[in-house]
Every structure is written in C-alpha cells, then in structure tokens.
Amino acid sequence: MPVECLEQTLQLLRDPAFVAIRRRAEERPLLWHEFTLMRQPQGLSHAQTWALLNALRRQTAIELASYIVDSQGRLGWYSFTRSMRADLSEIDQRCHRDSRLDSVVRSRNAAHFVVETHISDALSAVREDGVALGGKLAREILLRERPPTGPEERVLLNTHGVMLDLESYVGQACSPDLIRELHRRVSDGVTQRTRPLPALEGGHWLSELNDDEMLEVMSRSLNNDGFEETHHPVLQAYGLAVLFTRSRPLPSWNGVMATLLTRLLFLQSRLPVLAFVPIIPLHRAWQDGQIRPPIVPVPQKDSLVIVGDEVDLTIFCTTLVRLARLELDATERALQRMMERDEALSEALLHDPTINHRQRQILAAALNDAAAVFEIAAHRAVHGVAYATARADLLGLVDLGFLHYGRQGRAFVFSPAPGLPQLIRKRAKATGGHADLGTMAVDQRRSSAQAGVRLLS
C-alpha cells in the first residue's frame, strides 16, 4: 500500500465523526436511519462510511457454522455490543448455580411458583405443535384432578412429565439416542395430527445436514462441545430452537422437543435459572408482532441486515438477549413479591403453631384472589404431600374460619372466606402477631402494577 494511501486511511480512522460512529455502533446496534442522522467523515458518502464500519466490525465478529445459510446461501455473523455484554453479564450473575435467585427457586417457599411455571411451559410447548388447550383444562390434567381423555391431553401430560424429570438427565452426555429417548417419552401413546406453528425465523436459515447429522449437532450444543466458548447459552438456545423448528429432525412433536432441549441446555449449563425463562415464546412473540418497539428496536423482519454477500445478525441477537434479560427481571420481581408476601404472612402468624408453611401459601393466594378455588388434588400435587396431609391442610383452614368449602361433583372445593384480611389480622392479634394484613392484597396488586408486567403474561 502506498504511504499516502496508508496516511489517508489512518486519518479517516482518526476522524472525530467516524470515531463517534464506531463508538455508537460498539455501544448498541446502530440502525441505518440512526446512522444517517450522524455527522459523516468528510469526503465519504453514507454508503462508503457504512461499508467501512461493517468491514471493521466483521473482523471481530462471531460466525455461524458454515452449514447454516439463509435462503440465498449467505452466511451469518454477529458482533458483541457493550449492551449485549452487559445483558449477558447480568444474566450470568443472577442465574448461575447457587446464586441468590437459584437458591430462591430451589427453596420450599417457591414450590407454588415452580409448579405454575412448569404448567405454563408445558402448555406453551404443546402449542408450538398446534395443540390448543386452555389453562384451566391444562391445570386439571397436570395436577391430576382428572385423567387425560384424548391424544392432545395425553401429549401435554407426557411433556409435563419429561419436563419435571429433566434434572435427572443433568450430567449425562447428550447424544442422538438420548434425544430420541426423550421423544419416545413425549410421543408415548399419541400420534401427532395437529399442524405445528410456523417455524421460528432466523433469516430463513437452511441446513445442509440430514436428520441424523442435525441431532448430532444438537447433542454437541447440549454438551457445550465447542459452542460455549463463542456462543453464550442464551444464544445457543435461540439457535437450537430455530434449527429444530425449521429442520424438524424427528417424526413428530418437534416444537415440544425444542422446548425441552432448550431447558435441558440451561440445566446442563452453569445457568440453571434460565430454565424458567420462556425462550421460545419470547422469540415467537417478537416474530408475531406481539412485542413491538419501543421494547424492541425494530420488528423482527427488520433485524437482519444484508452486508455484501453475508447477513449481519447483530440486531437480531442483541434483541433476543435483551428480551431474555427483561423476562428474567420480571421473573425475579414475581419471586420477590412472593417472598415479601410470605414474610408478611409468617410475621402475622408467627406465634400461631397451628398454621404451617403450606397453609400460609394457600392464604397468600387467597388474599391475592378473592375468587380463588382450592382443591385437595391440586394442593397435594403442588407440595408433593399425601392426600391425607393435603386434606388436613385445607380443612384446618376451614376450622379456623379462613376458608369455606363445598362439593363440586364428588370433589371438595375450598374458597376464601369473606373478609379474609380482617380474619387473619384478628387471628394474628390473638396469637401475638403484629403485621397489618388489612390492606395486604391491595398493596400487593399495587406493587405488581408498579413493577410492570411480564413480556409474556
């Protein structure tokens, strides 16, 4: 290179306008319309400056595997921005094994939250394969209030069972045979007749691999074999979901399997709390336009940028990481509210030895929802106790006047007694407690509104 050309290049790289553009692009994804509003280096057009910027970014980018290309045969890459690194650092700190959040999730006080999350995630998983079941019906089946009556209800029960058992696979080396074993458990006794939802988009990515080779790639990802050094588990999970729902390497229930394998990936990784973040529903909500600006910078279709004969996925990846972190924020807020509620109840009933921690959780739920209905089978399933114990818990609260009960068919159903906050406050005063629960339910709903709602409600 002639000396004068080198000097011109160095001057351009030192140009304050170009330096400002580079710093902005390194902070967070730089959108074209934002770029055009910035001051440009003297003597260069917008297109020339854009090309130079992307050439520099490309040198340190993370490349997707060579067998993954879009519909035009273009390879993909993304670069880490400071905003993405900050989000991933937050996720790492809060989700690692034995973190405060991990300890909370594993505590007995979180039993109700964990059970409800598993029900919600199982329902989301079968919906990926076109199974349309309502939440009330799903709860009846998964809490064993009644047996499944058809193939769609059966696959929901199978999926939930595998989801609950995923911890037993942690530490095992994943293989195509293990994935097929999980699929056999999911499809036991059911044949898929439903139409799956459209595949998750990642730029219409295609793969040259056959089904067996694809399962081998999935296994390597789950084993963190050559992946975790460059791709964070959050991005691995999104990539796994896109490839699985597009290639469909198994004969049925690929949407369910994508959900289960992303959860297993998180459990196998150093970030088990991420198993409680609904990665696939977040991706689909953005894809379907349910999550829109300003929560995300652009609609998903505009998040893939063509750069020469390649595709820049930086906006796409950065946005998916941000969505995962935002949902983690909301999950942590929900757990914090649950802990504060339980602490208030424990303080109020501190001196009442007749009320155990399971009964306090029932009372907390009743304070939050005056129309709540409790059943022995569901209470038994949530806490993993014997029928007699679950029955005694609920009837004990009836004896204290906190719940009313009646029959619905052959089953007992329990509901909050009118004026429950005042009844608990009166009981607490009589037994030496001093927390004011008179406005607890109202305060709880107000704090939830102030904290914001989850992206997926």
Protein backbone atom coordinates (compact mmCIF):
# COMPACT_ATOMS: atom_id res chain seq x y z
CA MET A 1 0.00 0.00 0.00
CA PRO A 2 1.43 3.38 -0.94
CA VAL A 3 2.37 5.56 2.02
CA GLU A 4 -0.12 8.26 1.02
CA CYS A 5 -2.98 5.72 0.98
CA LEU A 6 -2.00 4.49 4.43
CA GLU A 7 -1.93 8.04 5.75
CA GLN A 8 -5.38 8.74 4.29
CA THR A 9 -6.73 5.55 5.90
CA LEU A 10 -5.29 6.47 9.29
CA GLN A 11 -6.67 9.99 9.05
CA LEU A 12 -10.09 8.56 8.26
CA LEU A 13 -9.96 6.20 11.24
CA ARG A 14 -9.00 9.12 13.46
CA ASP A 15 -11.69 11.40 12.06
CA PRO A 16 -13.85 12.51 15.03
CA ALA A 17 -17.04 11.87 13.06
CA PHE A 18 -16.01 8.28 12.24
CA VAL A 19 -14.79 7.69 15.79
CA ALA A 20 -18.22 8.78 17.09
CA ILE A 21 -19.95 6.41 14.66
CA ARG A 22 -17.75 3.48 15.69
CA ARG A 23 -18.29 4.14 19.39
CA ARG A 24 -22.03 4.32 18.88
CA ALA A 25 -22.03 1.02 16.95
CA GLU A 26 -19.95 -0.63 19.68
CA GLU A 27 -22.41 0.52 22.36
CA ARG A 28 -25.53 -1.00 20.83
CA PRO A 29 -26.74 -1.98 17.34
CA LEU A 30 -26.69 1.02 15.05
CA LEU A 31 -29.78 1.21 12.85
CA TRP A 32 -29.46 2.64 9.35
CA HIS A 33 -31.87 5.52 9.97
CA GLU A 34 -29.93 6.46 13.13
CA PHE A 35 -26.66 6.24 11.23
CA THR A 36 -27.85 8.61 8.51
CA LEU A 37 -28.57 11.28 11.13
CA MET A 38 -25.00 11.23 12.43
CA ARG A 39 -22.25 13.50 11.16
CA GLN A 40 -20.26 11.74 8.45
CA PRO A 41 -16.49 11.82 7.76
CA GLN A 42 -15.58 14.49 5.26
CA GLY A 43 -15.42 13.25 1.66
CA LEU A 44 -17.31 9.97 2.22
CA SER A 45 -20.88 9.13 1.31
CA HIS A 46 -23.21 7.38 3.74
CA ALA A 47 -22.79 4.12 1.79
CA GLN A 48 -18.98 4.33 1.90
CA THR A 49 -18.88 5.06 5.63
CA TRP A 50 -21.37 2.24 6.28
CA ALA A 51 -19.26 -0.20 4.26
CA LEU A 52 -16.09 0.75 6.14
CA LEU A 53 -17.81 0.48 9.53
CA ASN A 54 -19.15 -3.00 8.76
CA ALA A 55 -15.80 -4.16 7.40
CA LEU A 56 -14.18 -3.26 10.74
CA ARG A 57 -16.99 -4.89 12.72
CA ARG A 58 -16.78 -8.04 10.62
CA GLN A 59 -13.13 -8.62 11.58
CA THR A 60 -14.03 -9.44 15.20
CA ALA A 61 -17.49 -10.92 14.59
CA ILE A 62 -18.75 -14.33 15.68
CA GLU A 63 -19.55 -16.52 12.69
CA LEU A 64 -22.38 -19.02 12.45
CA ALA A 65 -21.49 -22.55 11.38
CA SER A 66 -20.73 -22.93 7.67
CA TYR A 67 -23.60 -25.40 7.16
CA ILE A 68 -26.14 -22.78 8.25
CA VAL A 69 -27.07 -20.42 5.42
CA ASP A 70 -30.10 -18.34 4.50
CA SER A 71 -32.38 -18.93 1.52
CA GLN A 72 -29.86 -17.15 -0.74
CA GLY A 73 -26.90 -19.16 0.52
CA ARG A 74 -25.49 -16.30 2.62
CA LEU A 75 -23.51 -16.97 5.80
CA GLY A 76 -24.39 -15.17 9.02
CA TRP A 77 -22.41 -13.41 11.74
CA TYR A 78 -22.94 -11.09 14.69
CA SER A 79 -20.77 -8.81 16.79
CA PHE A 80 -20.91 -8.29 20.53
CA THR A 81 -22.01 -4.82 21.54
CA ARG A 82 -21.44 -3.40 25.01
CA SER A 83 -25.19 -3.51 25.65
CA MET A 84 -25.29 -7.21 24.81
CA ARG A 85 -22.28 -7.93 27.01
CA ALA A 86 -23.94 -6.02 29.86
CA ASP A 87 -27.16 -8.02 29.50
CA LEU A 88 -25.27 -11.32 29.37
CA SER A 89 -23.21 -10.31 32.41
CA GLU A 90 -26.43 -9.57 34.32
CA ILE A 91 -27.81 -12.96 33.30
CA ASP A 92 -24.60 -14.72 34.35
CA GLN A 93 -24.52 -13.07 37.76
CA ARG A 94 -28.17 -13.78 38.59
CA CYS A 95 -28.66 -17.21 37.04
CA HIS A 96 -25.54 -19.18 37.93
CA ARG A 97 -25.84 -22.25 40.12
CA ASP A 98 -26.06 -21.34 43.83
CA SER A 99 -26.82 -17.69 43.05
CA ARG A 100 -29.36 -15.96 45.28
CA LEU A 101 -32.04 -16.40 42.63
CA ASP A 102 -31.15 -20.07 42.16
CA SER A 103 -31.41 -20.61 45.93
CA VAL A 104 -34.82 -18.90 46.00
CA VAL A 105 -36.14 -21.04 43.14
CA ARG A 106 -34.98 -24.19 44.91
CA SER A 107 -36.46 -23.20 48.28
CA ARG A 108 -39.67 -24.76 49.52
CA ASN A 109 -41.36 -21.34 49.54
CA ALA A 110 -41.05 -21.25 45.74
CA ALA A 111 -42.90 -24.55 45.26
CA HIS A 112 -46.08 -22.90 44.01
CA PHE A 113 -44.15 -20.66 41.59
CA VAL A 114 -42.20 -23.63 40.19
CA VAL A 115 -45.32 -25.73 39.72
CA GLU A 116 -47.15 -22.92 37.93
CA THR A 117 -44.13 -22.26 35.71
CA HIS A 118 -43.93 -25.91 34.71
CA ILE A 119 -47.64 -25.92 33.83
CA SER A 120 -47.29 -22.75 31.76
CA ASP A 121 -44.17 -24.03 29.97
CA ALA A 122 -45.72 -27.42 29.17
CA LEU A 123 -48.75 -25.66 27.72
CA SER A 124 -46.54 -23.35 25.63
CA ALA A 125 -44.55 -26.35 24.40
CA VAL A 126 -47.54 -28.26 23.03
CA ARG A 127 -48.94 -25.09 21.49
CA GLU A 128 -45.79 -24.98 19.33
CA ASP A 129 -47.10 -28.20 17.77
CA GLY A 130 -50.60 -26.86 17.26
CA VAL A 131 -52.23 -28.27 20.41
CA ALA A 132 -54.82 -25.74 21.61
CA LEU A 133 -55.72 -26.33 25.25
CA GLY A 134 -56.90 -23.76 27.78
CA GLY A 135 -55.09 -23.03 31.01
CA LYS A 136 -57.88 -24.31 33.27
CA LEU A 137 -58.06 -27.58 31.40
CA ALA A 138 -54.27 -27.95 31.49
CA ARG A 139 -54.20 -27.45 35.25
CA GLU A 140 -56.86 -30.10 35.78
CA ILE A 141 -54.80 -32.62 33.81
CA LEU A 142 -51.36 -31.75 35.11
CA LEU A 143 -52.44 -31.52 38.75
CA ARG A 144 -54.07 -34.93 38.32
CA GLU A 145 -57.56 -33.68 39.03
CA ARG A 146 -58.72 -35.86 36.15
CA PRO A 147 -57.05 -38.20 33.62
CA PRO A 148 -56.37 -37.12 30.01
CA THR A 149 -59.15 -38.05 27.59
CA GLY A 150 -57.54 -37.64 24.17
CA PRO A 151 -54.19 -37.51 22.34
CA GLU A 152 -53.74 -33.75 22.81
CA GLU A 153 -54.27 -34.01 26.55
CA ARG A 154 -52.02 -37.07 26.68
CA VAL A 155 -49.10 -35.32 24.95
CA LEU A 156 -49.47 -32.42 27.40
CA LEU A 157 -49.20 -34.84 30.31
CA ASN A 158 -46.25 -36.62 28.70
CA THR A 159 -44.47 -33.31 28.06
CA HIS A 160 -45.02 -32.15 31.62
CA GLY A 161 -43.69 -35.46 32.95
CA VAL A 162 -40.49 -35.21 30.91
CA MET A 163 -40.07 -31.56 31.93
CA LEU A 164 -40.26 -32.49 35.60
CA ASP A 165 -37.70 -35.24 35.03
CA LEU A 166 -35.12 -33.22 33.08
CA GLU A 167 -32.97 -32.72 36.20
CA SER A 168 -32.24 -36.47 36.16
CA TYR A 169 -30.51 -36.06 32.77
CA VAL A 170 -28.15 -33.33 34.00
CA GLY A 171 -24.59 -34.60 33.93
CA GLN A 172 -25.29 -37.18 31.24
CA ALA A 173 -23.59 -36.74 27.90
CA CYS A 174 -26.25 -35.88 25.37
CA SER A 175 -26.46 -37.98 22.21
CA PRO A 176 -28.91 -38.52 19.34
CA ASP A 177 -30.07 -41.64 21.18
CA LEU A 178 -30.87 -39.63 24.33
CA ILE A 179 -32.84 -37.10 22.27
CA ARG A 180 -34.78 -39.97 20.67
CA GLU A 181 -35.43 -41.40 24.14
CA LEU A 182 -36.96 -38.09 25.25
CA HIS A 183 -39.04 -38.06 22.07
CA ARG A 184 -40.32 -41.59 22.76
CA ARG A 185 -41.46 -40.45 26.20
CA VAL A 186 -43.22 -37.39 24.74
CA SER A 187 -44.94 -39.36 21.97
CA ASP A 188 -45.84 -42.38 24.12
CA GLY A 189 -49.39 -43.38 23.20
CA VAL A 190 -50.02 -40.39 20.90
CA THR A 191 -49.68 -39.66 17.20
CA GLN A 192 -49.39 -36.05 16.09
CA ARG A 193 -52.33 -34.98 13.96
CA THR A 194 -52.12 -31.26 14.68
CA ARG A 195 -50.43 -28.70 12.42
CA PRO A 196 -47.34 -27.12 14.05
CA LEU A 197 -46.99 -23.38 14.29
CA PRO A 198 -44.79 -21.76 11.63
CA ALA A 199 -41.09 -22.32 12.20
CA LEU A 200 -39.19 -19.77 14.24
CA GLU A 201 -37.44 -17.28 11.97
CA GLY A 202 -33.76 -16.60 11.94
CA GLY A 203 -33.45 -15.27 8.43
CA HIS A 204 -34.99 -18.33 6.72
CA TRP A 205 -31.96 -20.35 7.71
CA LEU A 206 -31.50 -23.64 5.92
CA SER A 207 -29.23 -26.52 6.79
CA GLU A 208 -27.44 -28.96 4.54
CA LEU A 209 -27.50 -31.62 7.26
CA ASN A 210 -29.74 -34.68 7.29
CA ASP A 211 -31.83 -35.58 10.35
CA ASP A 212 -29.16 -37.75 12.00
CA GLU A 213 -26.48 -35.12 11.46
CA MET A 214 -28.78 -32.44 12.86
CA LEU A 215 -29.37 -34.47 16.03
CA GLU A 216 -25.60 -34.84 16.36
CA VAL A 217 -25.21 -31.04 16.17
CA MET A 218 -27.95 -30.63 18.81
CA SER A 219 -26.13 -33.10 21.06
CA ARG A 220 -22.85 -31.22 20.72
CA SER A 221 -24.62 -27.99 21.62
CA LEU A 222 -26.19 -29.54 24.72
CA ASN A 223 -22.77 -30.88 25.72
CA ASN A 224 -21.21 -27.41 25.17
CA ASP A 225 -18.78 -29.12 22.82
CA GLY A 226 -17.07 -26.22 21.06
CA PHE A 227 -20.05 -23.88 21.45
CA GLU A 228 -19.94 -22.16 24.83
CA GLU A 229 -16.53 -20.59 24.19
CA THR A 230 -18.03 -18.42 21.43
CA HIS A 231 -21.82 -18.60 21.82
CA HIS A 232 -23.45 -17.82 25.16
CA PRO A 233 -26.03 -20.43 26.32
CA VAL A 234 -28.85 -17.91 25.71
CA LEU A 235 -27.82 -17.59 22.06
CA GLN A 236 -27.24 -21.33 21.81
CA ALA A 237 -30.80 -21.89 22.99
CA TYR A 238 -32.28 -19.49 20.46
CA GLY A 239 -30.22 -21.06 17.69
CA LEU A 240 -31.23 -24.55 18.73
CA ALA A 241 -34.90 -23.57 18.69
CA VAL A 242 -34.66 -22.02 15.21
CA LEU A 243 -32.85 -25.01 13.73
CA PHE A 244 -35.11 -27.57 15.40
CA THR A 245 -38.38 -25.96 14.36
CA ARG A 246 -37.11 -25.43 10.81
CA SER A 247 -35.39 -28.77 10.14
CA ARG A 248 -37.85 -30.92 12.19
CA PRO A 249 -35.41 -33.85 12.53
CA LEU A 250 -37.86 -36.03 14.50
CA PRO A 251 -41.03 -37.65 13.13
CA SER A 252 -43.36 -35.65 15.40
CA TRP A 253 -43.63 -33.13 18.25
CA ASN A 254 -40.57 -31.13 17.19
CA GLY A 255 -41.91 -27.97 18.85
CA VAL A 256 -42.23 -29.79 22.17
CA MET A 257 -38.76 -31.24 21.78
CA ALA A 258 -37.26 -27.83 21.01
CA THR A 259 -38.71 -26.52 24.29
CA LEU A 260 -37.44 -29.48 26.31
CA LEU A 261 -33.97 -29.35 24.80
CA THR A 262 -33.53 -25.63 25.43
CA ARG A 263 -34.49 -26.23 29.08
CA LEU A 264 -32.04 -29.14 29.27
CA LEU A 265 -29.32 -26.94 27.75
CA PHE A 266 -29.79 -24.39 30.55
CA LEU A 267 -29.87 -27.07 33.23
CA GLN A 268 -26.66 -28.57 31.81
CA SER A 269 -25.01 -25.16 31.68
CA ARG A 270 -23.83 -23.00 34.54
CA LEU A 271 -27.13 -21.05 34.35
CA PRO A 272 -29.96 -23.32 35.53
CA VAL A 273 -32.28 -20.43 36.48
CA LEU A 274 -32.66 -19.67 32.75
CA ALA A 275 -34.81 -22.81 32.52
CA PHE A 276 -37.56 -20.61 33.99
CA VAL A 277 -37.27 -18.02 31.19
CA PRO A 278 -39.59 -18.90 28.25
CA ILE A 279 -37.08 -18.55 25.41
CA ILE A 280 -39.23 -19.93 22.59
CA PRO A 281 -42.43 -18.00 23.48
CA LEU A 282 -40.36 -14.79 23.68
CA HIS A 283 -38.93 -15.43 20.21
CA ARG A 284 -42.36 -16.20 18.80
CA ALA A 285 -43.98 -13.16 20.42
CA TRP A 286 -41.41 -10.89 18.74
CA GLN A 287 -41.79 -12.75 15.45
CA ASP A 288 -45.59 -12.45 15.54
CA GLY A 289 -45.50 -8.74 16.39
CA GLN A 290 -46.80 -9.11 19.95
CA ILE A 291 -43.60 -7.49 21.25
CA ARG A 292 -43.02 -4.23 19.42
CA PRO A 293 -40.95 -1.04 19.63
CA PRO A 294 -40.02 0.58 21.94
CA ILE A 295 -39.47 -2.68 23.86
CA VAL A 296 -37.52 -3.92 20.84
CA PRO A 297 -35.65 -1.62 18.43
CA VAL A 298 -37.29 -2.99 15.27
CA PRO A 299 -39.80 -5.65 14.17
CA GLN A 300 -38.08 -9.00 13.75
CA LYS A 301 -38.25 -8.89 9.95
CA ASP A 302 -36.05 -5.78 10.01
CA SER A 303 -33.44 -7.22 12.40
CA LEU A 304 -31.34 -8.96 9.74
CA VAL A 305 -29.02 -6.69 7.77
CA ILE A 306 -27.52 -7.71 4.43
CA VAL A 307 -23.83 -6.78 4.28
CA GLY A 308 -22.32 -7.73 0.94
CA ASP A 309 -22.90 -11.43 0.46
CA GLU A 310 -23.45 -12.12 4.17
CA VAL A 311 -26.09 -11.43 6.85
CA ASP A 312 -25.37 -9.35 9.96
CA LEU A 313 -27.46 -10.77 12.84
CA THR A 314 -26.25 -8.31 15.48
CA ILE A 315 -29.62 -6.58 15.91
CA PHE A 316 -31.37 -9.97 15.93
CA CYS A 317 -29.09 -11.50 18.58
CA THR A 318 -28.84 -8.39 20.75
CA THR A 319 -32.63 -8.08 20.84
CA LEU A 320 -33.18 -11.72 21.78
CA VAL A 321 -30.67 -11.38 24.62
CA ARG A 322 -32.39 -8.22 25.83
CA LEU A 323 -35.80 -9.95 25.79
CA ALA A 324 -34.40 -12.80 27.86
CA ARG A 325 -32.98 -10.34 30.39
CA LEU A 326 -36.21 -8.35 30.60
CA GLU A 327 -38.20 -11.53 31.20
CA LEU A 328 -35.65 -12.57 33.83
CA ASP A 329 -36.20 -9.18 35.52
CA ALA A 330 -39.93 -9.83 35.60
CA THR A 331 -39.45 -13.38 36.90
CA GLU A 332 -37.24 -12.10 39.70
CA ARG A 333 -39.82 -9.42 40.58
CA ALA A 334 -42.53 -12.08 40.76
CA LEU A 335 -40.38 -14.18 43.09
CA GLN A 336 -39.56 -11.13 45.22
CA ARG A 337 -43.25 -10.29 45.61
CA MET A 338 -43.93 -13.89 46.57
CA MET A 339 -41.19 -13.78 49.23
CA GLU A 340 -42.43 -10.45 50.63
CA ARG A 341 -45.97 -11.83 50.77
CA ASP A 342 -44.81 -14.97 52.55
CA GLU A 343 -42.71 -12.95 55.00
CA ALA A 344 -45.72 -10.76 55.84
CA LEU A 345 -47.87 -13.83 56.43
CA SER A 346 -45.16 -15.50 58.50
CA GLU A 347 -44.82 -12.38 60.62
CA ALA A 348 -48.57 -12.10 61.08
CA LEU A 349 -48.95 -15.71 62.09
CA LEU A 350 -45.54 -16.11 63.73
CA HIS A 351 -46.98 -17.18 67.06
CA ASP A 352 -49.65 -19.49 65.64
CA PRO A 353 -48.23 -23.05 65.71
CA THR A 354 -51.37 -24.46 64.11
CA ILE A 355 -50.63 -22.93 60.66
CA ASN A 356 -47.84 -24.49 58.58
CA HIS A 357 -45.94 -23.09 55.58
CA ARG A 358 -48.23 -24.85 53.06
CA GLN A 359 -51.30 -23.29 54.64
CA ARG A 360 -49.61 -19.87 54.57
CA GLN A 361 -49.17 -20.23 50.80
CA ILE A 362 -52.87 -21.03 50.45
CA LEU A 363 -53.75 -17.94 52.46
CA ALA A 364 -51.38 -15.81 50.37
CA ALA A 365 -53.07 -16.98 47.17
CA ALA A 366 -56.49 -16.37 48.72
CA LEU A 367 -55.54 -12.82 49.70
CA ASN A 368 -54.45 -12.10 46.12
CA ASP A 369 -57.62 -13.52 44.57
CA ALA A 370 -60.90 -13.49 46.48
CA ALA A 371 -62.40 -15.76 43.79
CA ALA A 372 -59.66 -18.40 44.09
CA VAL A 373 -60.69 -22.05 44.32
CA PHE A 374 -58.56 -24.70 46.03
CA GLU A 375 -58.81 -28.45 45.68
CA ILE A 376 -57.17 -31.26 47.60
CA ALA A 377 -55.67 -32.92 44.50
CA ALA A 378 -54.04 -29.70 43.30
CA HIS A 379 -52.67 -28.84 46.76
CA ARG A 380 -51.29 -32.36 47.03
CA ALA A 381 -49.57 -32.11 43.64
CA VAL A 382 -48.05 -28.69 44.31
CA HIS A 383 -46.43 -29.68 47.60
CA GLY A 384 -45.84 -33.38 47.00
CA VAL A 385 -47.66 -34.49 50.15
CA ALA A 386 -50.02 -37.35 50.88
CA TYR A 387 -53.77 -36.97 50.25
CA ALA A 388 -54.47 -37.03 53.99
CA THR A 389 -51.95 -34.22 54.60
CA ALA A 390 -53.38 -32.05 51.81
CA ARG A 391 -56.91 -32.64 53.09
CA ALA A 392 -55.88 -31.80 56.65
CA ASP A 393 -54.23 -28.54 55.49
CA LEU A 394 -57.39 -27.28 53.79
CA LEU A 395 -59.85 -28.49 56.42
CA GLY A 396 -57.62 -26.91 59.08
CA LEU A 397 -58.08 -23.53 57.43
CA VAL A 398 -61.81 -24.18 57.30
CA ASP A 399 -61.79 -24.84 61.04
CA LEU A 400 -60.01 -21.52 61.58
CA GLY A 401 -62.67 -19.75 59.53
CA PHE A 402 -60.28 -18.70 56.74
CA LEU A 403 -61.82 -20.91 54.04
CA HIS A 404 -65.31 -22.12 53.17
CA TYR A 405 -65.90 -25.43 51.43
CA GLY A 406 -68.47 -27.33 49.50
CA ARG A 407 -68.74 -30.08 46.90
CA GLN A 408 -68.32 -29.89 43.14
CA GLY A 409 -69.34 -33.28 41.88
CA ARG A 410 -67.50 -35.77 44.04
CA ALA A 411 -64.66 -33.41 44.97
CA PHE A 412 -64.38 -30.92 47.82
CA VAL A 413 -63.67 -27.33 46.72
CA PHE A 414 -62.46 -24.56 49.03
CA SER A 415 -62.75 -20.79 48.64
CA PRO A 416 -61.66 -17.74 50.68
CA ALA A 417 -64.00 -16.66 53.44
CA PRO A 418 -65.44 -13.13 53.10
CA GLY A 419 -63.34 -10.53 54.92
CA LEU A 420 -60.26 -12.79 54.93
CA PRO A 421 -57.70 -9.98 55.63
CA GLN A 422 -59.64 -8.92 58.72
CA LEU A 423 -59.96 -12.54 59.86
CA ILE A 424 -56.20 -13.11 59.55
CA ARG A 425 -55.44 -9.82 61.30
CA LYS A 426 -57.77 -10.77 64.15
CA ARG A 427 -56.16 -14.20 64.44
CA ALA A 428 -52.66 -12.70 64.35
CA LYS A 429 -53.53 -10.25 67.12
CA ALA A 430 -54.91 -13.06 69.26
CA THR A 431 -51.74 -15.14 68.81
CA GLY A 432 -49.25 -12.30 69.23
CA GLY A 433 -48.62 -11.36 65.58
CA HIS A 434 -48.48 -7.72 64.61
CA ALA A 435 -48.36 -7.38 60.80
CA ASP A 436 -51.20 -5.40 59.25
CA LEU A 437 -52.78 -7.54 56.55
CA GLY A 438 -55.86 -5.39 56.18
CA THR A 439 -54.53 -3.79 53.01
CA MET A 440 -52.10 -6.51 52.03
CA ALA A 441 -53.96 -7.70 48.93
CA VAL A 442 -54.43 -4.14 47.68
CA ASP A 443 -50.77 -3.30 48.32
CA GLN A 444 -49.73 -6.50 46.57
CA ARG A 445 -51.67 -5.64 43.41
CA ARG A 446 -50.37 -2.05 43.51
CA SER A 447 -46.74 -3.18 43.79
CA SER A 448 -47.26 -5.59 40.89
CA ALA A 449 -48.58 -2.77 38.72
CA GLN A 450 -45.68 -0.50 39.65
CA ALA A 451 -43.14 -3.21 38.91
CA GLY A 452 -44.53 -3.70 35.42
CA VAL A 453 -45.97 -6.76 33.71
CA ARG A 454 -44.07 -9.63 32.21
CA LEU A 455 -43.48 -9.58 28.47
CA LEU A 456 -45.46 -12.80 28.31
CA SER A 457 -48.48 -12.72 30.59
